[in-house]
Each structure stands twice: as structure tokens, then as C-alpha cells.
Amino acid sequence: MQEFNQIFNNHILIISIAACLIAQLLKLIIELIRHGKVNLKFLVTTGGMPSAHSALVSSLATGVGLKEGWDSAGFAIACLFAVIVMYDAAGVRQAAGKQARILNQILDGFFQDGKEVNEERLKELLGHTPFQVLVGLALGVGISLMAAPTL
């Protein structure tokens, strides 16, 4: 049980998760401002502004850098992990979302004569634009820097 309690005393972990949750909450607020209504699905959905994945991994890398040093192996690992996650969010998952959008358009056009499609529409909002990733990056770094005295 002692080991389990240590997880909750890991400030880098807690701050990184908080950065992710704050990014998800910001998505909800941004959608409320844009569309004038609350849509709770933005609390758990992928894609959108800002990137919660980027906020999480950039907060993690910043926290490790602050605590262990910018020249530590831990920071190198966390930094490269962050780069891979952010590249994936803006690259591969964004491309998959575009492909889903095109496939949905093809299905819509193909079945315009009233035939039913048995398959659920593909999710189109999978990835992030580079700007959404950069905003998530800045949010994660900022949150870790503000929380630096607790590290």
C-alpha cells in the first residue's frame, strides 16, 4: 500500500495529469464560446483546441527537466517521448481524420438514394492542427513552470 501512496506524492505525475485535464476543460470552454452551448463530449474527446496530449507530455518533460536537470537521461527520454506524441497528434492522427472525412463523404454520396449504411460514421476529429499542438505545448510548459516550487 505504501507504493500506491507514493504515486499520489509524485508531483510531476499529478501536475502533468492536471495539465491534461485543464486542456480538456479549455476545450469545453472554447466550444461554449464558439457555439453558445455546453457539449460535455469535449471533456473526453480527442482533437480540438488545445491539444491535451501535448499539454500532458510537455508538462511531463518540463517537470522532469526542472526536477532532474536539463542534462538528465530522464529529461531526454521525456522530451523525445513528447516530440513523438506531438508529431503523432499533428501528423498521423490528423491525416487519419482527413481520410475519415473523405470516406464519410464517399459513403454519403454513394448512399444518397435512401439506402441505409450499416456502419457507423467514422470519427473525423482525431488529430490536431500544428497550432493546436503548439498551444497545448505552451499550456503544459506553463503549468509545470507555475508549479515548479512544488517539485
C-alpha atoms as a PDB file:
ATOM      1  CA  MET A   1       0.000   0.000   0.000  1.00  0.00           C
ATOM      2  CA  GLN A   2       2.977   2.272   0.645  1.00  0.00           C
ATOM      3  CA  GLU A   3       3.948   2.127  -3.044  1.00  0.00           C
ATOM      4  CA  PHE A   4       0.425   3.090  -4.082  1.00  0.00           C
ATOM      5  CA  ASN A   5       0.524   6.148  -1.816  1.00  0.00           C
ATOM      6  CA  GLN A   6       3.819   7.188  -3.371  1.00  0.00           C
ATOM      7  CA  ILE A   7       2.076   7.563  -6.727  1.00  0.00           C
ATOM      8  CA  PHE A   8      -0.082  10.332  -5.275  1.00  0.00           C
ATOM      9  CA  ASN A   9       3.052  12.055  -3.955  1.00  0.00           C
ATOM     10  CA  ASN A  10       4.624  12.162  -7.418  1.00  0.00           C
ATOM     11  CA  HIS A  11       4.225  15.858  -8.164  1.00  0.00           C
ATOM     12  CA  ILE A  12       5.430  15.572 -11.756  1.00  0.00           C
ATOM     13  CA  LEU A  13       2.738  12.975 -12.459  1.00  0.00           C
ATOM     14  CA  ILE A  14      -0.001  14.984 -10.733  1.00  0.00           C
ATOM     15  CA  ILE A  15       0.965  18.238 -12.474  1.00  0.00           C
ATOM     16  CA  SER A  16       1.112  16.518 -15.880  1.00  0.00           C
ATOM     17  CA  ILE A  17      -2.327  14.982 -15.408  1.00  0.00           C
ATOM     18  CA  ALA A  18      -3.620  18.362 -14.238  1.00  0.00           C
ATOM     19  CA  ALA A  19      -2.261  19.970 -17.419  1.00  0.00           C
ATOM     20  CA  CYS A  20      -4.131  17.386 -19.484  1.00  0.00           C
ATOM     21  CA  LEU A  21      -7.361  17.938 -17.560  1.00  0.00           C
ATOM     22  CA  ILE A  22      -7.039  21.729 -17.821  1.00  0.00           C
ATOM     23  CA  ALA A  23      -6.593  21.399 -21.595  1.00  0.00           C
ATOM     24  CA  GLN A  24      -9.731  19.238 -21.791  1.00  0.00           C
ATOM     25  CA  LEU A  25     -11.648  21.796 -19.718  1.00  0.00           C
ATOM     26  CA  LEU A  26     -10.416  24.573 -22.014  1.00  0.00           C
ATOM     27  CA  LYS A  27     -11.806  22.631 -24.989  1.00  0.00           C
ATOM     28  CA  LEU A  28     -15.213  22.694 -23.324  1.00  0.00           C
ATOM     29  CA  ILE A  29     -14.968  26.443 -22.639  1.00  0.00           C
ATOM     30  CA  ILE A  30     -13.775  27.212 -26.177  1.00  0.00           C
ATOM     31  CA  GLU A  31     -16.659  25.231 -27.668  1.00  0.00           C
ATOM     32  CA  LEU A  32     -19.085  27.015 -25.329  1.00  0.00           C
ATOM     33  CA  ILE A  33     -17.803  30.380 -26.573  1.00  0.00           C
ATOM     34  CA  ARG A  34     -17.835  29.278 -30.239  1.00  0.00           C
ATOM     35  CA  HIS A  35     -21.268  27.622 -30.263  1.00  0.00           C
ATOM     36  CA  GLY A  36     -23.015  29.088 -27.222  1.00  0.00           C
ATOM     37  CA  LYS A  37     -23.847  25.729 -25.665  1.00  0.00           C
ATOM     38  CA  VAL A  38     -22.217  23.215 -23.355  1.00  0.00           C
ATOM     39  CA  ASN A  39     -21.150  19.997 -25.051  1.00  0.00           C
ATOM     40  CA  LEU A  40     -19.749  17.625 -22.427  1.00  0.00           C
ATOM     41  CA  LYS A  41     -18.281  15.288 -25.055  1.00  0.00           C
ATOM     42  CA  PHE A  42     -15.383  17.745 -25.353  1.00  0.00           C
ATOM     43  CA  LEU A  43     -14.265  16.664 -21.880  1.00  0.00           C
ATOM     44  CA  VAL A  44     -13.359  13.213 -23.192  1.00  0.00           C
ATOM     45  CA  THR A  45     -12.866  13.602 -26.935  1.00  0.00           C
ATOM     46  CA  THR A  46      -9.668  13.671 -28.978  1.00  0.00           C
ATOM     47  CA  GLY A  47      -8.768  16.551 -31.238  1.00  0.00           C
ATOM     48  CA  GLY A  48      -9.694  20.178 -30.755  1.00  0.00           C
ATOM     49  CA  MET A  49      -8.093  23.217 -29.165  1.00  0.00           C
ATOM     50  CA  PRO A  50      -5.780  22.915 -27.260  1.00  0.00           C
ATOM     51  CA  SER A  51      -4.134  19.523 -27.591  1.00  0.00           C
ATOM     52  CA  ALA A  52      -4.441  17.754 -24.236  1.00  0.00           C
ATOM     53  CA  HIS A  53      -1.867  15.186 -25.352  1.00  0.00           C
ATOM     54  CA  SER A  54       0.644  17.968 -25.988  1.00  0.00           C
ATOM     55  CA  ALA A  55      -0.157  19.621 -22.669  1.00  0.00           C
ATOM     56  CA  LEU A  56       0.375  16.344 -20.814  1.00  0.00           C
ATOM     57  CA  VAL A  57       3.690  15.349 -22.402  1.00  0.00           C
ATOM     58  CA  SER A  58       5.172  18.857 -22.437  1.00  0.00           C
ATOM     59  CA  SER A  59       4.270  19.274 -18.773  1.00  0.00           C
ATOM     60  CA  LEU A  60       5.878  15.905 -18.057  1.00  0.00           C
ATOM     61  CA  ALA A  61       9.096  16.786 -19.909  1.00  0.00           C
ATOM     62  CA  THR A  62       9.274  20.211 -18.266  1.00  0.00           C
ATOM     63  CA  GLY A  63       8.690  18.739 -14.814  1.00  0.00           C
ATOM     64  CA  VAL A  64      11.403  16.129 -15.321  1.00  0.00           C
ATOM     65  CA  GLY A  65      13.782  18.797 -16.625  1.00  0.00           C
ATOM     66  CA  LEU A  66      13.127  21.046 -13.645  1.00  0.00           C
ATOM     67  CA  LYS A  67      13.500  18.258 -11.093  1.00  0.00           C
ATOM     68  CA  GLU A  68      16.246  16.064 -12.529  1.00  0.00           C
ATOM     69  CA  GLY A  69      18.091  18.615 -14.652  1.00  0.00           C
ATOM     70  CA  TRP A  70      18.008  19.521 -18.318  1.00  0.00           C
ATOM     71  CA  ASP A  71      21.001  17.270 -18.979  1.00  0.00           C
ATOM     72  CA  SER A  72      19.497  14.170 -17.315  1.00  0.00           C
ATOM     73  CA  ALA A  73      18.596  10.931 -19.053  1.00  0.00           C
ATOM     74  CA  GLY A  74      15.071  11.269 -17.670  1.00  0.00           C
ATOM     75  CA  PHE A  75      14.592  14.625 -19.392  1.00  0.00           C
ATOM     76  CA  ALA A  76      15.974  13.229 -22.665  1.00  0.00           C
ATOM     77  CA  ILE A  77      13.503  10.342 -22.545  1.00  0.00           C
ATOM     78  CA  ALA A  78      10.551  12.565 -21.603  1.00  0.00           C
ATOM     79  CA  CYS A  79      11.476  15.150 -24.243  1.00  0.00           C
ATOM     80  CA  LEU A  80      11.749  12.621 -27.064  1.00  0.00           C
ATOM     81  CA  PHE A  81       8.520  10.979 -25.906  1.00  0.00           C
ATOM     82  CA  ALA A  82       6.832  14.407 -26.045  1.00  0.00           C
ATOM     83  CA  VAL A  83       8.120  15.070 -29.560  1.00  0.00           C
ATOM     84  CA  ILE A  84       6.807  11.708 -30.789  1.00  0.00           C
ATOM     85  CA  VAL A  85       3.376  12.236 -29.207  1.00  0.00           C
ATOM     86  CA  MET A  86       3.061  15.777 -30.584  1.00  0.00           C
ATOM     87  CA  TYR A  87       4.234  14.717 -34.046  1.00  0.00           C
ATOM     88  CA  ASP A  88       1.678  11.905 -33.996  1.00  0.00           C
ATOM     89  CA  ALA A  89      -1.105  14.253 -32.851  1.00  0.00           C
ATOM     90  CA  ALA A  90      -0.448  16.749 -35.636  1.00  0.00           C
ATOM     91  CA  GLY A  91       0.674  14.311 -38.305  1.00  0.00           C
ATOM     92  CA  VAL A  92      -0.577  10.750 -38.343  1.00  0.00           C
ATOM     93  CA  ARG A  93      -3.841  11.268 -36.449  1.00  0.00           C
ATOM     94  CA  GLN A  94      -4.620  14.458 -38.415  1.00  0.00           C
ATOM     95  CA  ALA A  95      -4.139  12.518 -41.666  1.00  0.00           C
ATOM     96  CA  ALA A  96      -6.379   9.704 -40.390  1.00  0.00           C
ATOM     97  CA  GLY A  97      -9.069  12.284 -39.622  1.00  0.00           C
ATOM     98  CA  LYS A  98      -8.863  13.678 -43.153  1.00  0.00           C
ATOM     99  CA  GLN A  99      -9.178  10.181 -44.570  1.00  0.00           C
ATOM    100  CA  ALA A 100     -12.232   9.547 -42.368  1.00  0.00           C
ATOM    101  CA  ARG A 101     -13.828  12.770 -43.641  1.00  0.00           C
ATOM    102  CA  ILE A 102     -13.290  11.720 -47.271  1.00  0.00           C
ATOM    103  CA  LEU A 103     -14.617   8.204 -46.641  1.00  0.00           C
ATOM    104  CA  ASN A 104     -17.710   9.644 -44.954  1.00  0.00           C
ATOM    105  CA  GLN A 105     -18.285  11.918 -47.986  1.00  0.00           C
ATOM    106  CA  ILE A 106     -17.949   8.940 -50.320  1.00  0.00           C
ATOM    107  CA  LEU A 107     -20.446   6.949 -48.250  1.00  0.00           C
ATOM    108  CA  ASP A 108     -22.847   9.902 -48.145  1.00  0.00           C
ATOM    109  CA  GLY A 109     -22.683  10.256 -51.919  1.00  0.00           C
ATOM    110  CA  PHE A 110     -22.907   6.537 -52.590  1.00  0.00           C
ATOM    111  CA  PHE A 111     -25.986   6.029 -50.442  1.00  0.00           C
ATOM    112  CA  GLN A 112     -27.930   9.175 -51.379  1.00  0.00           C
ATOM    113  CA  ASP A 113     -30.673   7.074 -52.942  1.00  0.00           C
ATOM    114  CA  GLY A 114     -32.021   6.252 -49.476  1.00  0.00           C
ATOM    115  CA  LYS A 115     -30.190   3.017 -48.814  1.00  0.00           C
ATOM    116  CA  GLU A 116     -29.121   2.569 -45.228  1.00  0.00           C
ATOM    117  CA  VAL A 117     -25.499   2.197 -44.246  1.00  0.00           C
ATOM    118  CA  ASN A 118     -24.927  -0.456 -41.603  1.00  0.00           C
ATOM    119  CA  GLU A 119     -21.676   1.049 -40.394  1.00  0.00           C
ATOM    120  CA  GLU A 120     -21.287   3.961 -38.016  1.00  0.00           C
ATOM    121  CA  ARG A 121     -19.755   7.105 -39.475  1.00  0.00           C
ATOM    122  CA  LEU A 122     -16.020   7.355 -38.972  1.00  0.00           C
ATOM    123  CA  LYS A 123     -14.745   9.825 -36.401  1.00  0.00           C
ATOM    124  CA  GLU A 124     -13.230  12.744 -38.267  1.00  0.00           C
ATOM    125  CA  LEU A 125     -11.761  14.775 -35.417  1.00  0.00           C
ATOM    126  CA  LEU A 126      -8.836  12.553 -34.456  1.00  0.00           C
ATOM    127  CA  GLY A 127      -5.779  14.763 -34.573  1.00  0.00           C
ATOM    128  CA  HIS A 128      -4.751  18.350 -34.144  1.00  0.00           C
ATOM    129  CA  THR A 129      -3.575  21.186 -36.291  1.00  0.00           C
ATOM    130  CA  PRO A 130       0.008  22.265 -35.652  1.00  0.00           C
ATOM    131  CA  PHE A 131      -1.335  25.391 -33.916  1.00  0.00           C
ATOM    132  CA  GLN A 132      -3.447  23.300 -31.502  1.00  0.00           C
ATOM    133  CA  VAL A 133      -0.355  21.225 -30.688  1.00  0.00           C
ATOM    134  CA  LEU A 134       1.727  24.372 -30.075  1.00  0.00           C
ATOM    135  CA  VAL A 135      -0.943  25.822 -27.774  1.00  0.00           C
ATOM    136  CA  GLY A 136      -1.024  22.521 -25.846  1.00  0.00           C
ATOM    137  CA  LEU A 137       2.775  22.591 -25.662  1.00  0.00           C
ATOM    138  CA  ALA A 138       2.771  26.138 -24.269  1.00  0.00           C
ATOM    139  CA  LEU A 139      -0.003  25.271 -21.803  1.00  0.00           C
ATOM    140  CA  GLY A 140       1.866  22.217 -20.480  1.00  0.00           C
ATOM    141  CA  VAL A 141       5.169  24.048 -20.116  1.00  0.00           C
ATOM    142  CA  GLY A 142       3.429  26.991 -18.450  1.00  0.00           C
ATOM    143  CA  ILE A 143       1.596  24.815 -15.953  1.00  0.00           C
ATOM    144  CA  SER A 144       4.795  22.999 -14.979  1.00  0.00           C
ATOM    145  CA  LEU A 145       6.694  26.260 -14.611  1.00  0.00           C
ATOM    146  CA  MET A 146       3.951  27.699 -12.387  1.00  0.00           C
ATOM    147  CA  ALA A 147       4.015  24.526 -10.283  1.00  0.00           C
ATOM    148  CA  ALA A 148       7.842  24.428 -10.168  1.00  0.00           C
ATOM    149  CA  PRO A 149       8.102  25.314  -6.448  1.00  0.00           C
ATOM    150  CA  THR A 150       6.213  22.082  -5.601  1.00  0.00           C
ATOM    151  CA  LEU A 151       8.676  19.923  -7.493  1.00  0.00           C
END
